[in-house]
Amino acid sequence: MITLSIILQAVAEFAPMAKMGAGIGAGLATIGAGIGIGNIGRGALEAIARQPESIGDIRSNMIIAAALVEGVAFFAIVVCLLILFI
């Protein structure tokens, strides 16, 4: 029981650092998603420039890949917010 109280005191001392880390983590997740979606768009535009006849397939694949990247970013932001408020 004494060990548990020591651990709880140590955790309470680091609460402000956890909040700062959650904010930094949310920012990094957003930046990473922006870079990823930018790379997806660049690759799609280059592929469409090479083969204009396959624009429909490239566009649909680009939208699916961008949605998956956005989903991962939202998941990371939710985890950071959970750390922030719990």
PDB file of N, CA and C in Angstrom:
ATOM      1  N   MET A   1       0.816  -1.189   0.000  1.00  0.00           N
ATOM      2  CA  MET A   1       0.000   0.000   0.000  1.00  0.00           C
ATOM      3  C   MET A   1       0.863   1.258   0.000  1.00  0.00           C
ATOM      4  N   ILE A   2       1.982   1.208   0.663  1.00  0.00           N
ATOM      5  CA  ILE A   2       2.885   2.355   0.693  1.00  0.00           C
ATOM      6  C   ILE A   2       3.467   2.597  -0.693  1.00  0.00           C
ATOM      7  N   THR A   3       3.772   1.526  -1.401  1.00  0.00           N
ATOM      8  CA  THR A   3       4.332   1.665  -2.747  1.00  0.00           C
ATOM      9  C   THR A   3       3.335   2.337  -3.672  1.00  0.00           C
ATOM     10  N   LEU A   4       2.065   1.994  -3.551  1.00  0.00           N
ATOM     11  CA  LEU A   4       1.043   2.605  -4.392  1.00  0.00           C
ATOM     12  C   LEU A   4       0.927   4.105  -4.143  1.00  0.00           C
ATOM     13  N   SER A   5       0.995   4.524  -2.912  1.00  0.00           N
ATOM     14  CA  SER A   5       0.910   5.954  -2.622  1.00  0.00           C
ATOM     15  C   SER A   5       2.130   6.707  -3.154  1.00  0.00           C
ATOM     16  N   ILE A   6       3.280   6.078  -3.130  1.00  0.00           N
ATOM     17  CA  ILE A   6       4.487   6.707  -3.687  1.00  0.00           C
ATOM     18  C   ILE A   6       4.353   6.862  -5.194  1.00  0.00           C
ATOM     19  N   ILE A   7       3.829   5.840  -5.836  1.00  0.00           N
ATOM     20  CA  ILE A   7       3.647   5.904  -7.294  1.00  0.00           C
ATOM     21  C   ILE A   7       2.633   6.985  -7.651  1.00  0.00           C
ATOM     22  N   LEU A   8       1.534   7.068  -6.909  1.00  0.00           N
ATOM     23  CA  LEU A   8       0.518   8.091  -7.184  1.00  0.00           C
ATOM     24  C   LEU A   8       1.063   9.503  -6.984  1.00  0.00           C
ATOM     25  N   GLN A   9       1.916   9.691  -6.000  1.00  0.00           N
ATOM     26  CA  GLN A   9       2.528  11.001  -5.797  1.00  0.00           C
ATOM     27  C   GLN A   9       3.462  11.354  -6.954  1.00  0.00           C
ATOM     28  N   ALA A  10       4.216  10.358  -7.423  1.00  0.00           N
ATOM     29  CA  ALA A  10       5.127  10.604  -8.546  1.00  0.00           C
ATOM     30  C   ALA A  10       4.351  10.945  -9.808  1.00  0.00           C
ATOM     31  N   VAL A  11       3.226  10.267 -10.032  1.00  0.00           N
ATOM     32  CA  VAL A  11       2.406  10.546 -11.214  1.00  0.00           C
ATOM     33  C   VAL A  11       1.807  11.942 -11.125  1.00  0.00           C
ATOM     34  N   ALA A  12       1.362  12.348  -9.948  1.00  0.00           N
ATOM     35  CA  ALA A  12       0.766  13.672  -9.787  1.00  0.00           C
ATOM     36  C   ALA A  12       1.781  14.779 -10.059  1.00  0.00           C
ATOM     37  N   GLU A  13       3.044  14.527  -9.767  1.00  0.00           N
ATOM     38  CA  GLU A  13       4.078  15.537 -10.016  1.00  0.00           C
ATOM     39  C   GLU A  13       4.345  15.733 -11.503  1.00  0.00           C
ATOM     40  N   PHE A  14       4.124  14.684 -12.309  1.00  0.00           N
ATOM     41  CA  PHE A  14       4.417  14.766 -13.737  1.00  0.00           C
ATOM     42  C   PHE A  14       3.190  15.063 -14.589  1.00  0.00           C
ATOM     43  N   ALA A  15       2.070  15.435 -13.997  1.00  0.00           N
ATOM     44  CA  ALA A  15       0.849  15.727 -14.758  1.00  0.00           C
ATOM     45  C   ALA A  15       1.036  16.878 -15.750  1.00  0.00           C
ATOM     46  N   PRO A  16       1.692  17.981 -15.370  1.00  0.00           N
ATOM     47  CA  PRO A  16       1.871  19.050 -16.371  1.00  0.00           C
ATOM     48  C   PRO A  16       2.719  18.611 -17.563  1.00  0.00           C
ATOM     49  N   MET A  17       3.717  17.759 -17.320  1.00  0.00           N
ATOM     50  CA  MET A  17       4.545  17.281 -18.431  1.00  0.00           C
ATOM     51  C   MET A  17       3.745  16.355 -19.340  1.00  0.00           C
ATOM     52  N   ALA A  18       2.828  15.573 -18.754  1.00  0.00           N
ATOM     53  CA  ALA A  18       1.985  14.697 -19.566  1.00  0.00           C
ATOM     54  C   ALA A  18       1.070  15.516 -20.460  1.00  0.00           C
ATOM     55  N   LYS A  19       0.548  16.619 -19.938  1.00  0.00           N
ATOM     56  CA  LYS A  19      -0.315  17.477 -20.752  1.00  0.00           C
ATOM     57  C   LYS A  19       0.473  18.133 -21.878  1.00  0.00           C
ATOM     58  N   MET A  20       1.688  18.546 -21.588  1.00  0.00           N
ATOM     59  CA  MET A  20       2.520  19.130 -22.627  1.00  0.00           C
ATOM     60  C   MET A  20       2.857  18.072 -23.686  1.00  0.00           C
ATOM     61  N   GLY A  21       3.155  16.863 -23.247  1.00  0.00           N
ATOM     62  CA  GLY A  21       3.449  15.787 -24.186  1.00  0.00           C
ATOM     63  C   GLY A  21       2.251  15.438 -25.051  1.00  0.00           C
ATOM     64  N   ALA A  22       1.053  15.492 -24.459  1.00  0.00           N
ATOM     65  CA  ALA A  22      -0.149  15.213 -25.245  1.00  0.00           C
ATOM     66  C   ALA A  22      -0.356  16.280 -26.316  1.00  0.00           C
ATOM     67  N   GLY A  23      -0.102  17.530 -25.970  1.00  0.00           N
ATOM     68  CA  GLY A  23      -0.228  18.603 -26.957  1.00  0.00           C
ATOM     69  C   GLY A  23       0.782  18.471 -28.085  1.00  0.00           C
ATOM     70  N   ILE A  24       2.006  18.141 -27.730  1.00  0.00           N
ATOM     71  CA  ILE A  24       3.042  17.948 -28.747  1.00  0.00           C
ATOM     72  C   ILE A  24       2.704  16.749 -29.627  1.00  0.00           C
ATOM     73  N   GLY A  25       2.201  15.686 -29.005  1.00  0.00           N
ATOM     74  CA  GLY A  25       1.832  14.493 -29.774  1.00  0.00           C
ATOM     75  C   GLY A  25       0.701  14.769 -30.751  1.00  0.00           C
ATOM     76  N   ALA A  26      -0.298  15.537 -30.327  1.00  0.00           N
ATOM     77  CA  ALA A  26      -1.403  15.887 -31.228  1.00  0.00           C
ATOM     78  C   ALA A  26      -0.891  16.734 -32.395  1.00  0.00           C
ATOM     79  N   GLY A  27       0.020  17.648 -32.113  1.00  0.00           N
ATOM     80  CA  GLY A  27       0.588  18.472 -33.179  1.00  0.00           C
ATOM     81  C   GLY A  27       1.404  17.661 -34.172  1.00  0.00           C
ATOM     82  N   LEU A  28       2.196  16.741 -33.665  1.00  0.00           N
ATOM     83  CA  LEU A  28       2.995  15.892 -34.552  1.00  0.00           C
ATOM     84  C   LEU A  28       2.117  14.978 -35.400  1.00  0.00           C
ATOM     85  N   ALA A  29       1.028  14.475 -34.809  1.00  0.00           N
ATOM     86  CA  ALA A  29       0.111  13.631 -35.583  1.00  0.00           C
ATOM     87  C   ALA A  29      -0.521  14.421 -36.718  1.00  0.00           C
ATOM     88  N   THR A  30      -0.872  15.667 -36.458  1.00  0.00           N
ATOM     89  CA  THR A  30      -1.476  16.509 -37.485  1.00  0.00           C
ATOM     90  C   THR A  30      -0.474  16.844 -38.586  1.00  0.00           C
ATOM     91  N   ILE A  31       0.736  17.166 -38.194  1.00  0.00           N
ATOM     92  CA  ILE A  31       1.775  17.475 -39.188  1.00  0.00           C
ATOM     93  C   ILE A  31       2.087  16.246 -40.040  1.00  0.00           C
ATOM     94  N   GLY A  32       2.194  15.095 -39.386  1.00  0.00           N
ATOM     95  CA  GLY A  32       2.478  13.861 -40.130  1.00  0.00           C
ATOM     96  C   GLY A  32       1.380  13.516 -41.120  1.00  0.00           C
ATOM     97  N   ALA A  33       0.131  13.707 -40.713  1.00  0.00           N
ATOM     98  CA  ALA A  33      -0.984  13.436 -41.629  1.00  0.00           C
ATOM     99  C   ALA A  33      -0.964  14.398 -42.806  1.00  0.00           C
ATOM    100  N   GLY A  34      -0.654  15.664 -42.547  1.00  0.00           N
ATOM    101  CA  GLY A  34      -0.577  16.639 -43.636  1.00  0.00           C
ATOM    102  C   GLY A  34       0.501  16.292 -44.642  1.00  0.00           C
ATOM    103  N   ILE A  35       1.646  15.881 -44.139  1.00  0.00           N
ATOM    104  CA  ILE A  35       2.736  15.485 -45.041  1.00  0.00           C
ATOM    105  C   ILE A  35       2.357  14.241 -45.835  1.00  0.00           C
ATOM    106  N   GLY A  36       1.728  13.274 -45.154  1.00  0.00           N
ATOM    107  CA  GLY A  36       1.332  12.039 -45.829  1.00  0.00           C
ATOM    108  C   GLY A  36       0.307  12.270 -46.924  1.00  0.00           C
ATOM    109  N   ILE A  37      -0.701  13.073 -46.627  1.00  0.00           N
ATOM    110  CA  ILE A  37      -1.722  13.346 -47.638  1.00  0.00           C
ATOM    111  C   ILE A  37      -1.134  14.178 -48.783  1.00  0.00           C
ATOM    112  N   GLY A  38      -0.200  15.061 -48.472  1.00  0.00           N
ATOM    113  CA  GLY A  38       0.476  15.811 -49.537  1.00  0.00           C
ATOM    114  C   GLY A  38       1.260  14.901 -50.467  1.00  0.00           C
ATOM    115  N   ASN A  39       1.944  13.919 -49.897  1.00  0.00           N
ATOM    116  CA  ASN A  39       2.687  12.962 -50.728  1.00  0.00           C
ATOM    117  C   ASN A  39       1.748  12.101 -51.569  1.00  0.00           C
ATOM    118  N   ILE A  40       0.607  11.739 -51.004  1.00  0.00           N
ATOM    119  CA  ILE A  40      -0.369  10.959 -51.768  1.00  0.00           C
ATOM    120  C   ILE A  40      -0.875  11.778 -52.951  1.00  0.00           C
ATOM    121  N   GLY A  41      -1.205  13.038 -52.711  1.00  0.00           N
ATOM    122  CA  GLY A  41      -1.680  13.901 -53.790  1.00  0.00           C
ATOM    123  C   GLY A  41      -0.638  14.124 -54.867  1.00  0.00           C
ATOM    124  N   ARG A  42       0.609  14.327 -54.430  1.00  0.00           N
ATOM    125  CA  ARG A  42       1.686  14.520 -55.411  1.00  0.00           C
ATOM    126  C   ARG A  42       1.860  13.288 -56.283  1.00  0.00           C
ATOM    127  N   GLY A  43       1.839  12.111 -55.632  1.00  0.00           N
ATOM    128  CA  GLY A  43       1.994  10.870 -56.398  1.00  0.00           C
ATOM    129  C   GLY A  43       0.840  10.649 -57.362  1.00  0.00           C
ATOM    130  N   ALA A  44      -0.365  10.981 -56.918  1.00  0.00           N
ATOM    131  CA  ALA A  44      -1.521  10.818 -57.800  1.00  0.00           C
ATOM    132  C   ALA A  44      -1.444  11.759 -58.993  1.00  0.00           C
ATOM    133  N   LEU A  45      -1.051  13.007 -58.757  1.00  0.00           N
ATOM    134  CA  LEU A  45      -0.946  13.944 -59.877  1.00  0.00           C
ATOM    135  C   LEU A  45       0.131  13.518 -60.870  1.00  0.00           C
ATOM    136  N   GLU A  46       1.239  12.999 -60.360  1.00  0.00           N
ATOM    137  CA  GLU A  46       2.287  12.521 -61.266  1.00  0.00           C
ATOM    138  C   GLU A  46       1.805  11.312 -62.064  1.00  0.00           C
ATOM    139  N   ALA A  47       1.060  10.419 -61.411  1.00  0.00           N
ATOM    140  CA  ALA A  47       0.554   9.242 -62.121  1.00  0.00           C
ATOM    141  C   ALA A  47      -0.481   9.646 -63.169  1.00  0.00           C
ATOM    142  N   ILE A  48      -1.330  10.616 -62.849  1.00  0.00           N
ATOM    143  CA  ILE A  48      -2.328  11.082 -63.823  1.00  0.00           C
ATOM    144  C   ILE A  48      -1.637  11.772 -64.990  1.00  0.00           C
ATOM    145  N   ALA A  49      -0.549  12.488 -64.732  1.00  0.00           N
ATOM    146  CA  ALA A  49       0.178  13.148 -65.822  1.00  0.00           C
ATOM    147  C   ALA A  49       0.813  12.123 -66.755  1.00  0.00           C
ATOM    148  N   ARG A  50       1.231  10.979 -66.203  1.00  0.00           N
ATOM    149  CA  ARG A  50       1.846   9.944 -67.052  1.00  0.00           C
ATOM    150  C   ARG A  50       0.797   9.174 -67.847  1.00  0.00           C
ATOM    151  N   GLN A  51      -0.342   8.861 -67.181  1.00  0.00           N
ATOM    152  CA  GLN A  51      -1.382   8.066 -67.835  1.00  0.00           C
ATOM    153  C   GLN A  51      -2.750   8.719 -67.601  1.00  0.00           C
ATOM    154  N   PRO A  52      -3.096   9.688 -68.410  1.00  0.00           N
ATOM    155  CA  PRO A  52      -4.364  10.406 -68.200  1.00  0.00           C
ATOM    156  C   PRO A  52      -5.603   9.530 -68.373  1.00  0.00           C
ATOM    157  N   GLU A  53      -5.481   8.418 -69.092  1.00  0.00           N
ATOM    158  CA  GLU A  53      -6.652   7.573 -69.327  1.00  0.00           C
ATOM    159  C   GLU A  53      -7.091   6.788 -68.076  1.00  0.00           C
ATOM    160  N   SER A  54      -6.227   6.696 -67.066  1.00  0.00           N
ATOM    161  CA  SER A  54      -6.578   5.950 -65.849  1.00  0.00           C
ATOM    162  C   SER A  54      -6.867   6.882 -64.675  1.00  0.00           C
ATOM    163  N   ILE A  55      -7.448   8.032 -64.969  1.00  0.00           N
ATOM    164  CA  ILE A  55      -7.683   9.029 -63.924  1.00  0.00           C
ATOM    165  C   ILE A  55      -8.674   8.532 -62.873  1.00  0.00           C
ATOM    166  N   GLY A  56      -9.683   7.766 -63.281  1.00  0.00           N
ATOM    167  CA  GLY A  56     -10.689   7.293 -62.333  1.00  0.00           C
ATOM    168  C   GLY A  56     -10.114   6.338 -61.296  1.00  0.00           C
ATOM    169  N   ASP A  57      -9.305   5.392 -61.742  1.00  0.00           N
ATOM    170  CA  ASP A  57      -8.702   4.432 -60.813  1.00  0.00           C
ATOM    171  C   ASP A  57      -7.723   5.124 -59.870  1.00  0.00           C
ATOM    172  N   ILE A  58      -6.934   6.018 -60.406  1.00  0.00           N
ATOM    173  CA  ILE A  58      -5.946   6.722 -59.580  1.00  0.00           C
ATOM    174  C   ILE A  58      -6.644   7.592 -58.549  1.00  0.00           C
ATOM    175  N   ARG A  59      -7.697   8.292 -58.955  1.00  0.00           N
ATOM    176  CA  ARG A  59      -8.414   9.171 -58.034  1.00  0.00           C
ATOM    177  C   ARG A  59      -9.064   8.383 -56.898  1.00  0.00           C
ATOM    178  N   SER A  60      -9.687   7.250 -57.229  1.00  0.00           N
ATOM    179  CA  SER A  60     -10.341   6.471 -56.177  1.00  0.00           C
ATOM    180  C   SER A  60      -9.319   5.880 -55.215  1.00  0.00           C
ATOM    181  N   ASN A  61      -8.194   5.412 -55.731  1.00  0.00           N
ATOM    182  CA  ASN A  61      -7.146   4.899 -54.853  1.00  0.00           C
ATOM    183  C   ASN A  61      -6.546   6.010 -53.986  1.00  0.00           C
ATOM    184  N   MET A  62      -6.432   7.197 -54.542  1.00  0.00           N
ATOM    185  CA  MET A  62      -5.901   8.325 -53.777  1.00  0.00           C
ATOM    186  C   MET A  62      -6.842   8.689 -52.633  1.00  0.00           C
ATOM    187  N   ILE A  63      -8.131   8.698 -52.899  1.00  0.00           N
ATOM    188  CA  ILE A  63      -9.099   9.048 -51.858  1.00  0.00           C
ATOM    189  C   ILE A  63      -9.098   8.010 -50.747  1.00  0.00           C
ATOM    190  N   ILE A  64      -9.009   6.744 -51.093  1.00  0.00           N
ATOM    191  CA  ILE A  64      -8.963   5.682 -50.074  1.00  0.00           C
ATOM    192  C   ILE A  64      -7.706   5.805 -49.223  1.00  0.00           C
ATOM    193  N   ALA A  65      -6.559   6.026 -49.862  1.00  0.00           N
ATOM    194  CA  ALA A  65      -5.309   6.151 -49.109  1.00  0.00           C
ATOM    195  C   ALA A  65      -5.328   7.389 -48.208  1.00  0.00           C
ATOM    196  N   ALA A  66      -5.861   8.498 -48.697  1.00  0.00           N
ATOM    197  CA  ALA A  66      -5.935   9.709 -47.879  1.00  0.00           C
ATOM    198  C   ALA A  66      -6.871   9.507 -46.694  1.00  0.00           C
ATOM    199  N   ALA A  67      -7.961   8.777 -46.895  1.00  0.00           N
ATOM    200  CA  ALA A  67      -8.880   8.499 -45.790  1.00  0.00           C
ATOM    201  C   ALA A  67      -8.217   7.634 -44.731  1.00  0.00           C
ATOM    202  N   LEU A  68      -7.411   6.673 -45.148  1.00  0.00           N
ATOM    203  CA  LEU A  68      -6.707   5.837 -44.177  1.00  0.00           C
ATOM    204  C   LEU A  68      -5.684   6.651 -43.382  1.00  0.00           C
ATOM    205  N   VAL A  69      -4.978   7.542 -44.038  1.00  0.00           N
ATOM    206  CA  VAL A  69      -4.014   8.392 -43.334  1.00  0.00           C
ATOM    207  C   VAL A  69      -4.742   9.300 -42.353  1.00  0.00           C
ATOM    208  N   GLU A  70      -5.873   9.859 -42.772  1.00  0.00           N
ATOM    209  CA  GLU A  70      -6.647  10.716 -41.881  1.00  0.00           C
ATOM    210  C   GLU A  70      -7.172   9.937 -40.685  1.00  0.00           C
ATOM    211  N   GLY A  71      -7.581   8.706 -40.900  1.00  0.00           N
ATOM    212  CA  GLY A  71      -8.059   7.876 -39.801  1.00  0.00           C
ATOM    213  C   GLY A  71      -6.988   7.634 -38.757  1.00  0.00           C
ATOM    214  N   VAL A  72      -5.783   7.369 -39.202  1.00  0.00           N
ATOM    215  CA  VAL A  72      -4.677   7.171 -38.266  1.00  0.00           C
ATOM    216  C   VAL A  72      -4.383   8.464 -37.508  1.00  0.00           C
ATOM    217  N   ALA A  73      -4.455   9.597 -38.188  1.00  0.00           N
ATOM    218  CA  ALA A  73      -4.209  10.879 -37.523  1.00  0.00           C
ATOM    219  C   ALA A  73      -5.282  11.166 -36.481  1.00  0.00           C
ATOM    220  N   PHE A  74      -6.546  10.903 -36.818  1.00  0.00           N
ATOM    221  CA  PHE A  74      -7.615  11.109 -35.838  1.00  0.00           C
ATOM    222  C   PHE A  74      -7.434  10.207 -34.633  1.00  0.00           C
ATOM    223  N   PHE A  75      -7.028   8.974 -34.874  1.00  0.00           N
ATOM    224  CA  PHE A  75      -6.796   8.044 -33.768  1.00  0.00           C
ATOM    225  C   PHE A  75      -5.690   8.572 -32.856  1.00  0.00           C
ATOM    226  N   ALA A  76      -4.609   9.071 -33.430  1.00  0.00           N
ATOM    227  CA  ALA A  76      -3.507   9.608 -32.629  1.00  0.00           C
ATOM    228  C   ALA A  76      -3.945  10.836 -31.838  1.00  0.00           C
ATOM    229  N   ILE A  77      -4.744  11.691 -32.442  1.00  0.00           N
ATOM    230  CA  ILE A  77      -5.220  12.886 -31.739  1.00  0.00           C
ATOM    231  C   ILE A  77      -6.154  12.502 -30.599  1.00  0.00           C
ATOM    232  N   VAL A  78      -7.004  11.499 -30.809  1.00  0.00           N
ATOM    233  CA  VAL A  78      -7.900  11.050 -29.744  1.00  0.00           C
ATOM    234  C   VAL A  78      -7.102  10.468 -28.584  1.00  0.00           C
ATOM    235  N   VAL A  79      -6.078   9.706 -28.882  1.00  0.00           N
ATOM    236  CA  VAL A  79      -5.232   9.156 -27.819  1.00  0.00           C
ATOM    237  C   VAL A  79      -4.567  10.284 -27.034  1.00  0.00           C
ATOM    238  N   CYS A  80      -4.077  11.293 -27.720  1.00  0.00           N
ATOM    239  CA  CYS A  80      -3.463  12.440 -27.033  1.00  0.00           C
ATOM    240  C   CYS A  80      -4.482  13.178 -26.171  1.00  0.00           C
ATOM    241  N   LEU A  81      -5.699  13.326 -26.669  1.00  0.00           N
ATOM    242  CA  LEU A  81      -6.729  13.995 -25.864  1.00  0.00           C
ATOM    243  C   LEU A  81      -7.119  13.158 -24.650  1.00  0.00           C
ATOM    244  N   LEU A  82      -7.131  11.847 -24.806  1.00  0.00           N
ATOM    245  CA  LEU A  82      -7.407  10.991 -23.654  1.00  0.00           C
ATOM    246  C   LEU A  82      -6.322  11.128 -22.593  1.00  0.00           C
ATOM    247  N   ILE A  83      -5.086  11.207 -23.029  1.00  0.00           N
ATOM    248  CA  ILE A  83      -3.988  11.422 -22.077  1.00  0.00           C
ATOM    249  C   ILE A  83      -4.151  12.776 -21.398  1.00  0.00           C
ATOM    250  N   LEU A  84      -4.602  13.740 -22.154  1.00  0.00           N
ATOM    251  CA  LEU A  84      -4.743  15.097 -21.627  1.00  0.00           C
ATOM    252  C   LEU A  84      -5.833  15.188 -20.550  1.00  0.00           C
ATOM    253  N   PHE A  85      -6.947  14.521 -20.773  1.00  0.00           N
ATOM    254  CA  PHE A  85      -8.090  14.692 -19.873  1.00  0.00           C
ATOM    255  C   PHE A  85      -8.264  13.573 -18.857  1.00  0.00           C
ATOM    256  N   ILE A  86      -7.524  12.527 -18.959  1.00  0.00           N
ATOM    257  CA  ILE A  86      -7.671  11.429 -17.976  1.00  0.00           C
ATOM    258  C   ILE A  86      -6.500  11.396 -17.025  1.00  0.00           C
TER     259      ILE A  86
END
